[in-house]
Each structure stands twice: as structure tokens, then as C-alpha cells.
Amino acid sequence: MKILLIVQAVISILLVVVVLMQNRGEGLDILGGSFNGSYHTKRGFEKFLTRSTVVLAILFVGVAITIVKIGI
């Protein structure tokens, strides 16, 4: 049972690291007036970080629900 808590802690640390590695403020450029109207696609490492964030978030929620169901 404690292994689930350890797994959740590791996933949460990885999730924080992946989120912090992403480019800050990219989505808020419109507020600063630097929007150039071009379409930006994610490539390479940026795409990997985005997919990793989604996978880690799903795993985090799944482990959290499992922990609640078994009542740790």
C-alpha cells in the first residue's frame, strides 16, 4: 500500500519538473501585445514535454483515485 504513495510522490515530482521545463509565458504573449498571428506547431522536445505532461497528469489522477478507493 505504501508503494502507491511512493509512486504518487515520484509522479508528482516528475510532473512538476516537466511543467517547469516548458517555455514560460508562451500562451500569455497575446496579453503583452507580441502576438504575430502565425500558427505555432509543437516540434521535437516541446512536443515530448507536452505529451509527458498529459501522461503524467493522467497517471497522477489514476493513482490518486486508486489510493482513495482502497482507503490508505
C-alpha atoms as a PDB file:
ATOM      1  CA  MET A   1       0.000   0.000   0.000  1.00  0.00           C
ATOM      2  CA  LYS A   2       2.837   2.384   0.774  1.00  0.00           C
ATOM      3  CA  ILE A   3       4.225   1.725  -2.677  1.00  0.00           C
ATOM      4  CA  LEU A   4       1.276   3.635  -4.168  1.00  0.00           C
ATOM      5  CA  LEU A   5       2.170   6.653  -2.067  1.00  0.00           C
ATOM      6  CA  ILE A   6       5.768   6.442  -3.245  1.00  0.00           C
ATOM      7  CA  VAL A   7       4.628   6.084  -6.866  1.00  0.00           C
ATOM      8  CA  GLN A   8       2.358   9.109  -6.488  1.00  0.00           C
ATOM      9  CA  ALA A   9       5.176  11.164  -4.962  1.00  0.00           C
ATOM     10  CA  VAL A  10       7.532  10.264  -7.809  1.00  0.00           C
ATOM     11  CA  ILE A  11       4.872  11.072 -10.427  1.00  0.00           C
ATOM     12  CA  SER A  12       4.142  14.411  -8.778  1.00  0.00           C
ATOM     13  CA  ILE A  13       7.832  15.372  -8.723  1.00  0.00           C
ATOM     14  CA  LEU A  14       8.208  14.396 -12.389  1.00  0.00           C
ATOM     15  CA  LEU A  15       5.063  16.362 -13.258  1.00  0.00           C
ATOM     16  CA  VAL A  16       6.394  19.492 -11.573  1.00  0.00           C
ATOM     17  CA  VAL A  17       9.749  19.150 -13.342  1.00  0.00           C
ATOM     18  CA  VAL A  18       8.131  18.657 -16.759  1.00  0.00           C
ATOM     19  CA  VAL A  19       5.812  21.634 -16.290  1.00  0.00           C
ATOM     20  CA  LEU A  20       8.684  23.870 -15.190  1.00  0.00           C
ATOM     21  CA  MET A  21      10.776  22.833 -18.193  1.00  0.00           C
ATOM     22  CA  GLN A  22       8.132  24.086 -20.603  1.00  0.00           C
ATOM     23  CA  ASN A  23       8.522  27.523 -22.092  1.00  0.00           C
ATOM     24  CA  ARG A  24       7.109  30.074 -19.661  1.00  0.00           C
ATOM     25  CA  GLY A  25       4.592  32.661 -20.761  1.00  0.00           C
ATOM     26  CA  GLU A  26       4.190  31.373 -24.285  1.00  0.00           C
ATOM     27  CA  GLY A  27       0.419  31.398 -24.007  1.00  0.00           C
ATOM     28  CA  LEU A  28       0.379  34.858 -22.414  1.00  0.00           C
ATOM     29  CA  ASP A  29       2.167  36.614 -25.267  1.00  0.00           C
ATOM     30  CA  ILE A  30      -1.165  37.927 -26.525  1.00  0.00           C
ATOM     31  CA  LEU A  31      -1.588  39.996 -23.356  1.00  0.00           C
ATOM     32  CA  GLY A  32       1.764  41.675 -23.916  1.00  0.00           C
ATOM     33  CA  GLY A  33       0.959  42.599 -27.475  1.00  0.00           C
ATOM     34  CA  SER A  34       3.586  40.395 -29.077  1.00  0.00           C
ATOM     35  CA  PHE A  35       1.130  38.165 -30.937  1.00  0.00           C
ATOM     36  CA  ASN A  36       2.255  37.949 -34.540  1.00  0.00           C
ATOM     37  CA  GLY A  37      -0.687  35.955 -35.871  1.00  0.00           C
ATOM     38  CA  SER A  38       1.345  32.966 -37.002  1.00  0.00           C
ATOM     39  CA  TYR A  39       0.426  29.406 -36.182  1.00  0.00           C
ATOM     40  CA  HIS A  40       2.967  27.649 -33.997  1.00  0.00           C
ATOM     41  CA  THR A  41       3.197  23.852 -34.005  1.00  0.00           C
ATOM     42  CA  LYS A  42       4.974  21.918 -31.327  1.00  0.00           C
ATOM     43  CA  ARG A  43       8.028  20.010 -32.517  1.00  0.00           C
ATOM     44  CA  GLY A  44      10.695  17.829 -31.020  1.00  0.00           C
ATOM     45  CA  PHE A  45      11.389  18.259 -27.345  1.00  0.00           C
ATOM     46  CA  GLU A  46       8.494  20.690 -26.867  1.00  0.00           C
ATOM     47  CA  LYS A  47       6.088  18.039 -28.178  1.00  0.00           C
ATOM     48  CA  PHE A  48       7.662  15.450 -25.877  1.00  0.00           C
ATOM     49  CA  LEU A  49       7.185  17.735 -22.859  1.00  0.00           C
ATOM     50  CA  THR A  50       3.549  18.372 -23.730  1.00  0.00           C
ATOM     51  CA  ARG A  51       2.768  14.683 -24.134  1.00  0.00           C
ATOM     52  CA  SER A  52       4.707  13.831 -20.981  1.00  0.00           C
ATOM     53  CA  THR A  53       2.672  16.373 -19.034  1.00  0.00           C
ATOM     54  CA  VAL A  54      -0.584  14.818 -20.197  1.00  0.00           C
ATOM     55  CA  VAL A  55       0.553  11.256 -19.460  1.00  0.00           C
ATOM     56  CA  LEU A  56       1.906  12.148 -16.018  1.00  0.00           C
ATOM     57  CA  ALA A  57      -1.264  14.051 -15.126  1.00  0.00           C
ATOM     58  CA  ILE A  58      -3.437  11.074 -16.110  1.00  0.00           C
ATOM     59  CA  LEU A  59      -1.209   8.715 -14.113  1.00  0.00           C
ATOM     60  CA  PHE A  60      -1.311  11.057 -11.113  1.00  0.00           C
ATOM     61  CA  VAL A  61      -5.111  11.188 -11.126  1.00  0.00           C
ATOM     62  CA  GLY A  62      -5.344   7.423 -11.653  1.00  0.00           C
ATOM     63  CA  VAL A  63      -3.072   6.667  -8.710  1.00  0.00           C
ATOM     64  CA  ALA A  64      -4.921   9.210  -6.537  1.00  0.00           C
ATOM     65  CA  ILE A  65      -8.276   7.567  -7.322  1.00  0.00           C
ATOM     66  CA  THR A  66      -6.798   4.134  -6.607  1.00  0.00           C
ATOM     67  CA  ILE A  67      -5.461   5.322  -3.253  1.00  0.00           C
ATOM     68  CA  VAL A  68      -8.872   6.758  -2.320  1.00  0.00           C
ATOM     69  CA  LYS A  69     -10.696   3.566  -3.374  1.00  0.00           C
ATOM     70  CA  ILE A  70      -8.503   1.264  -1.287  1.00  0.00           C
ATOM     71  CA  GLY A  71      -8.531   3.710   1.602  1.00  0.00           C
ATOM     72  CA  ILE A  72      -4.916   4.376   2.502  1.00  0.00           C
END
